[in-house]
Structures are given as structure tokens and as C-alpha cells.
Amino acid sequence: MSISVVAVGKKHESWVAEGIERYSKRLRKPYDLSWKLLPHSSREHDAARDEESAKILSALTPHQHVILLDERGTDISSPKLAARLQRQFDTARGVVLIIGGAYGVNAELQARADFTWSLSQLVFPHQLVRLILAEQIYRAQEISAGRPYHHE
């Protein structure tokens, strides 16, 4: 099992790609990371949210553990994220992290999520969220392995 990210938006900007690559090179199974970038909808508001959510839903499989990133989600610590990911790997479930578009995701996709995670109550640019996410996955790997990257 591994971790995949499904995100709405354009390809990684160079500074984001460089940072993601930095952390991705350090990852080992099951913490390896893949990305699926879906284009923004040309529509607006609810129509965009529904179209983008439908595309995301079509990229999911029933057995995957789905974590939706949303500023209205639950705030958790890095050790709790590490434990959540490890539980999924122990039960042989792949993990998919979702970053919706500018208008968020619809109720159907929210209902499909097994967990809704807030990185912060602040709203970040989607490119920055991708980089933070890559670092947090690396941090989770290091916490689970008992290595000293994370300090309590």
C-alpha cells in the first residue's frame, strides 16, 4: 500500500516541485507518494465544485482510506497523523489524500471521506498545501520509524 494525492489544479510550480522532490526522495514504502493532478473546472461556484468532485470521486476505489484536506476539518498533531497512516498500512489499505479546488468539494465527496483533516484554520494557497503535505508525510514516516526528525 502507498499514499496518493489527488489534487485539483495546475502542475506543481518549480519551487513546489523542488520541495516535494526533496521529501519524496526520502520516502520508503508504504510512505511512498504519488500525485494525480486534475484540471480546474472552467465553471464557477457550485458547478465547479460538483464537476471537480465528480472527477475526484472517479479516481477513488472503494478500499482506499480517504483523507480530505479542508480548513474546517479536524486539527491533528504530526504524531497522530503518523498513527492514523500506520493503522491504514497495518490493515493493507492504501491512503488517498484529497486537495479540492478553489470552491472546495461537494457533499458527496465529503461523505466519501473517512477523515477530514485541517492543516490549519488559515487558508493556504494550494501549491503551498502540496509542499506542506509532502513534508508531513515524510515526518509521519520518521515518527513511525522512531527516528529523531520530529522533536516532542
C-alpha atoms as a PDB file:
ATOM      1  CA  MET A   1       0.000   0.000   0.000  1.00  0.00           C
ATOM      2  CA  SER A   2       1.072   3.544  -0.508  1.00  0.00           C
ATOM      3  CA  ILE A   3      -0.085   7.125  -0.343  1.00  0.00           C
ATOM      4  CA  SER A   4      -1.511   9.019  -3.273  1.00  0.00           C
ATOM      5  CA  VAL A   5      -2.623  12.608  -3.500  1.00  0.00           C
ATOM      6  CA  VAL A   6      -5.440  13.683  -5.783  1.00  0.00           C
ATOM      7  CA  ALA A   7      -5.407  17.445  -6.210  1.00  0.00           C
ATOM      8  CA  VAL A   8      -7.302  19.903  -8.362  1.00  0.00           C
ATOM      9  CA  GLY A   9      -5.062  22.443 -10.017  1.00  0.00           C
ATOM     10  CA  LYS A  10      -2.211  23.079 -12.356  1.00  0.00           C
ATOM     11  CA  LYS A  11       1.105  21.245 -12.274  1.00  0.00           C
ATOM     12  CA  HIS A  12       3.487  21.930  -9.426  1.00  0.00           C
ATOM     13  CA  GLU A  13       5.280  25.248  -9.707  1.00  0.00           C
ATOM     14  CA  SER A  14       9.064  24.807  -9.820  1.00  0.00           C
ATOM     15  CA  TRP A  15       9.666  25.771  -6.188  1.00  0.00           C
ATOM     16  CA  VAL A  16       6.917  23.371  -5.071  1.00  0.00           C
ATOM     17  CA  ALA A  17       8.184  20.561  -7.304  1.00  0.00           C
ATOM     18  CA  GLU A  18      11.676  21.006  -5.867  1.00  0.00           C
ATOM     19  CA  GLY A  19      10.410  20.777  -2.288  1.00  0.00           C
ATOM     20  CA  ILE A  20       8.144  17.800  -2.992  1.00  0.00           C
ATOM     21  CA  GLU A  21      11.019  16.023  -4.710  1.00  0.00           C
ATOM     22  CA  ARG A  22      13.252  16.683  -1.697  1.00  0.00           C
ATOM     23  CA  TYR A  23      10.860  14.905   0.660  1.00  0.00           C
ATOM     24  CA  SER A  24       9.719  12.256  -1.819  1.00  0.00           C
ATOM     25  CA  LYS A  25      13.287  11.016  -2.340  1.00  0.00           C
ATOM     26  CA  ARG A  26      13.436  10.233   1.376  1.00  0.00           C
ATOM     27  CA  LEU A  27      10.215   8.229   1.456  1.00  0.00           C
ATOM     28  CA  ARG A  28      10.103   4.433   1.558  1.00  0.00           C
ATOM     29  CA  LYS A  29       7.154   2.048   1.201  1.00  0.00           C
ATOM     30  CA  PRO A  30       4.500   2.267   2.411  1.00  0.00           C
ATOM     31  CA  TYR A  31       5.125   6.009   2.666  1.00  0.00           C
ATOM     32  CA  ASP A  32       5.959   6.489  -0.992  1.00  0.00           C
ATOM     33  CA  LEU A  33       3.931   9.232  -2.572  1.00  0.00           C
ATOM     34  CA  SER A  34       2.246   9.609  -5.950  1.00  0.00           C
ATOM     35  CA  TRP A  35       0.334  12.579  -7.342  1.00  0.00           C
ATOM     36  CA  LYS A  36      -2.673  12.846  -9.635  1.00  0.00           C
ATOM     37  CA  LEU A  37      -3.393  16.423 -10.676  1.00  0.00           C
ATOM     38  CA  LEU A  38      -6.818  17.130 -12.119  1.00  0.00           C
ATOM     39  CA  PRO A  39      -7.549  20.298 -14.105  1.00  0.00           C
ATOM     40  CA  HIS A  40      -9.677  23.082 -12.655  1.00  0.00           C
ATOM     41  CA  SER A  41     -13.234  23.259 -13.915  1.00  0.00           C
ATOM     42  CA  SER A  42     -13.999  26.085 -16.333  1.00  0.00           C
ATOM     43  CA  ARG A  43     -17.228  26.642 -14.407  1.00  0.00           C
ATOM     44  CA  GLU A  44     -17.708  28.611 -11.195  1.00  0.00           C
ATOM     45  CA  HIS A  45     -19.060  28.067  -7.684  1.00  0.00           C
ATOM     46  CA  ASP A  46     -21.379  25.049  -7.232  1.00  0.00           C
ATOM     47  CA  ALA A  47     -20.984  23.887 -10.832  1.00  0.00           C
ATOM     48  CA  ALA A  48     -17.186  23.881 -10.500  1.00  0.00           C
ATOM     49  CA  ARG A  49     -17.340  22.178  -7.108  1.00  0.00           C
ATOM     50  CA  ASP A  50     -19.615  19.430  -8.477  1.00  0.00           C
ATOM     51  CA  GLU A  51     -17.575  18.840 -11.636  1.00  0.00           C
ATOM     52  CA  GLU A  52     -14.265  18.693  -9.784  1.00  0.00           C
ATOM     53  CA  SER A  53     -15.719  16.481  -7.036  1.00  0.00           C
ATOM     54  CA  ALA A  54     -17.047  14.047  -9.644  1.00  0.00           C
ATOM     55  CA  LYS A  55     -13.571  13.801 -11.201  1.00  0.00           C
ATOM     56  CA  ILE A  56     -12.014  13.153  -7.794  1.00  0.00           C
ATOM     57  CA  LEU A  57     -14.616  10.523  -6.909  1.00  0.00           C
ATOM     58  CA  SER A  58     -13.962   8.714 -10.179  1.00  0.00           C
ATOM     59  CA  ALA A  59     -10.272   8.457  -9.237  1.00  0.00           C
ATOM     60  CA  LEU A  60     -11.050   6.629  -5.955  1.00  0.00           C
ATOM     61  CA  THR A  61     -11.522   2.940  -5.290  1.00  0.00           C
ATOM     62  CA  PRO A  62     -13.787   1.526  -2.565  1.00  0.00           C
ATOM     63  CA  HIS A  63     -10.994   0.029  -0.447  1.00  0.00           C
ATOM     64  CA  GLN A  64      -8.938   3.227  -0.104  1.00  0.00           C
ATOM     65  CA  HIS A  65      -8.824   5.237   3.102  1.00  0.00           C
ATOM     66  CA  VAL A  66      -9.709   8.762   2.012  1.00  0.00           C
ATOM     67  CA  ILE A  67      -8.438  11.821   3.858  1.00  0.00           C
ATOM     68  CA  LEU A  68      -9.910  15.125   2.709  1.00  0.00           C
ATOM     69  CA  LEU A  69      -7.929  18.278   3.416  1.00  0.00           C
ATOM     70  CA  ASP A  70     -10.230  21.116   4.452  1.00  0.00           C
ATOM     71  CA  GLU A  71      -9.712  24.044   6.805  1.00  0.00           C
ATOM     72  CA  ARG A  72     -12.982  23.076   8.547  1.00  0.00           C
ATOM     73  CA  GLY A  73     -11.666  19.591   9.315  1.00  0.00           C
ATOM     74  CA  THR A  74     -10.071  18.189  12.448  1.00  0.00           C
ATOM     75  CA  ASP A  75      -6.749  19.591  13.565  1.00  0.00           C
ATOM     76  CA  ILE A  76      -4.365  16.761  14.481  1.00  0.00           C
ATOM     77  CA  SER A  77      -0.738  16.578  15.548  1.00  0.00           C
ATOM     78  CA  SER A  78       2.017  15.056  13.437  1.00  0.00           C
ATOM     79  CA  PRO A  79       2.262  12.003  15.755  1.00  0.00           C
ATOM     80  CA  LYS A  80      -1.493  11.440  15.424  1.00  0.00           C
ATOM     81  CA  LEU A  81      -1.203  11.661  11.633  1.00  0.00           C
ATOM     82  CA  ALA A  82       1.624   9.120  11.745  1.00  0.00           C
ATOM     83  CA  ALA A  83      -0.511   6.767  13.854  1.00  0.00           C
ATOM     84  CA  ARG A  84      -3.524   7.171  11.524  1.00  0.00           C
ATOM     85  CA  LEU A  85      -1.430   6.362   8.444  1.00  0.00           C
ATOM     86  CA  GLN A  86       0.252   3.415  10.152  1.00  0.00           C
ATOM     87  CA  ARG A  87      -3.146   1.929  11.133  1.00  0.00           C
ATOM     88  CA  GLN A  88      -4.191   2.003   7.486  1.00  0.00           C
ATOM     89  CA  PHE A  89      -0.957   0.398   6.323  1.00  0.00           C
ATOM     90  CA  ASP A  90      -1.322  -2.297   9.018  1.00  0.00           C
ATOM     91  CA  THR A  91      -4.740  -3.193   7.566  1.00  0.00           C
ATOM     92  CA  ALA A  92      -3.381  -3.119   3.992  1.00  0.00           C
ATOM     93  CA  ARG A  93      -5.425  -0.084   2.956  1.00  0.00           C
ATOM     94  CA  GLY A  94      -3.956   2.458   0.608  1.00  0.00           C
ATOM     95  CA  VAL A  95      -4.364   6.097   1.608  1.00  0.00           C
ATOM     96  CA  VAL A  96      -5.599   8.856  -0.674  1.00  0.00           C
ATOM     97  CA  LEU A  97      -5.306  12.492   0.349  1.00  0.00           C
ATOM     98  CA  ILE A  98      -7.564  14.927  -1.452  1.00  0.00           C
ATOM     99  CA  ILE A  99      -6.969  18.607  -2.104  1.00  0.00           C
ATOM    100  CA  GLY A 100     -10.095  20.076  -3.661  1.00  0.00           C
ATOM    101  CA  GLY A 101     -10.353  23.079  -5.921  1.00  0.00           C
ATOM    102  CA  ALA A 102     -10.896  26.743  -5.100  1.00  0.00           C
ATOM    103  CA  TYR A 103     -14.573  26.152  -4.302  1.00  0.00           C
ATOM    104  CA  GLY A 104     -13.949  23.079  -2.167  1.00  0.00           C
ATOM    105  CA  VAL A 105     -15.715  19.748  -2.658  1.00  0.00           C
ATOM    106  CA  ASN A 106     -19.358  18.759  -2.691  1.00  0.00           C
ATOM    107  CA  ALA A 107     -21.342  16.860  -0.045  1.00  0.00           C
ATOM    108  CA  GLU A 108     -20.970  13.536  -1.863  1.00  0.00           C
ATOM    109  CA  LEU A 109     -17.175  13.720  -1.726  1.00  0.00           C
ATOM    110  CA  GLN A 110     -17.272  14.955   1.878  1.00  0.00           C
ATOM    111  CA  ALA A 111     -19.381  11.899   2.749  1.00  0.00           C
ATOM    112  CA  ARG A 112     -16.882   9.570   0.996  1.00  0.00           C
ATOM    113  CA  ALA A 113     -14.012  10.872   3.127  1.00  0.00           C
ATOM    114  CA  ASP A 114     -13.051   8.655   6.038  1.00  0.00           C
ATOM    115  CA  PHE A 115     -11.442  11.633   7.750  1.00  0.00           C
ATOM    116  CA  THR A 116     -11.386  15.387   7.125  1.00  0.00           C
ATOM    117  CA  TRP A 117      -8.101  16.936   8.160  1.00  0.00           C
ATOM    118  CA  SER A 118      -7.298  20.596   8.689  1.00  0.00           C
ATOM    119  CA  LEU A 119      -3.685  21.643   8.320  1.00  0.00           C
ATOM    120  CA  SER A 120      -4.701  24.935   9.942  1.00  0.00           C
ATOM    121  CA  GLN A 121      -7.640  27.263  10.318  1.00  0.00           C
ATOM    122  CA  LEU A 122      -5.712  29.508   7.972  1.00  0.00           C
ATOM    123  CA  VAL A 123      -6.317  29.121   4.246  1.00  0.00           C
ATOM    124  CA  PHE A 124      -3.165  28.398   2.248  1.00  0.00           C
ATOM    125  CA  PRO A 125      -2.500  28.519  -1.489  1.00  0.00           C
ATOM    126  CA  HIS A 126      -2.953  25.034  -2.949  1.00  0.00           C
ATOM    127  CA  GLN A 127       0.652  24.908  -4.131  1.00  0.00           C
ATOM    128  CA  LEU A 128       1.876  25.526  -0.575  1.00  0.00           C
ATOM    129  CA  VAL A 129      -0.508  22.872   0.796  1.00  0.00           C
ATOM    130  CA  ARG A 130       1.113  20.326  -1.521  1.00  0.00           C
ATOM    131  CA  LEU A 131       4.563  21.103  -0.152  1.00  0.00           C
ATOM    132  CA  ILE A 132       3.370  21.031   3.473  1.00  0.00           C
ATOM    133  CA  LEU A 133       1.648  17.727   2.799  1.00  0.00           C
ATOM    134  CA  ALA A 134       4.820  16.157   1.363  1.00  0.00           C
ATOM    135  CA  GLU A 135       6.781  17.246   4.422  1.00  0.00           C
ATOM    136  CA  GLN A 136       4.130  15.932   6.828  1.00  0.00           C
ATOM    137  CA  ILE A 137       4.123  12.537   5.129  1.00  0.00           C
ATOM    138  CA  TYR A 138       7.903  12.392   5.455  1.00  0.00           C
ATOM    139  CA  ARG A 139       7.568  13.438   9.102  1.00  0.00           C
ATOM    140  CA  ALA A 140       4.968  10.693   9.675  1.00  0.00           C
ATOM    141  CA  GLN A 141       7.366   8.121   8.233  1.00  0.00           C
ATOM    142  CA  GLU A 142      10.124   9.274  10.543  1.00  0.00           C
ATOM    143  CA  ILE A 143       7.840   9.298  13.606  1.00  0.00           C
ATOM    144  CA  SER A 144       6.592   5.769  12.840  1.00  0.00           C
ATOM    145  CA  ALA A 145      10.162   4.538  12.453  1.00  0.00           C
ATOM    146  CA  GLY A 146      11.236   6.169  15.731  1.00  0.00           C
ATOM    147  CA  ARG A 147      13.847   8.340  14.047  1.00  0.00           C
ATOM    148  CA  PRO A 148      14.751  11.753  15.510  1.00  0.00           C
ATOM    149  CA  TYR A 149      13.398  14.049  12.745  1.00  0.00           C
ATOM    150  CA  HIS A 150      10.392  15.018  14.887  1.00  0.00           C
ATOM    151  CA  HIS A 151      11.041  16.504  18.329  1.00  0.00           C
ATOM    152  CA  GLU A 152       8.393  16.427  21.052  1.00  0.00           C
END
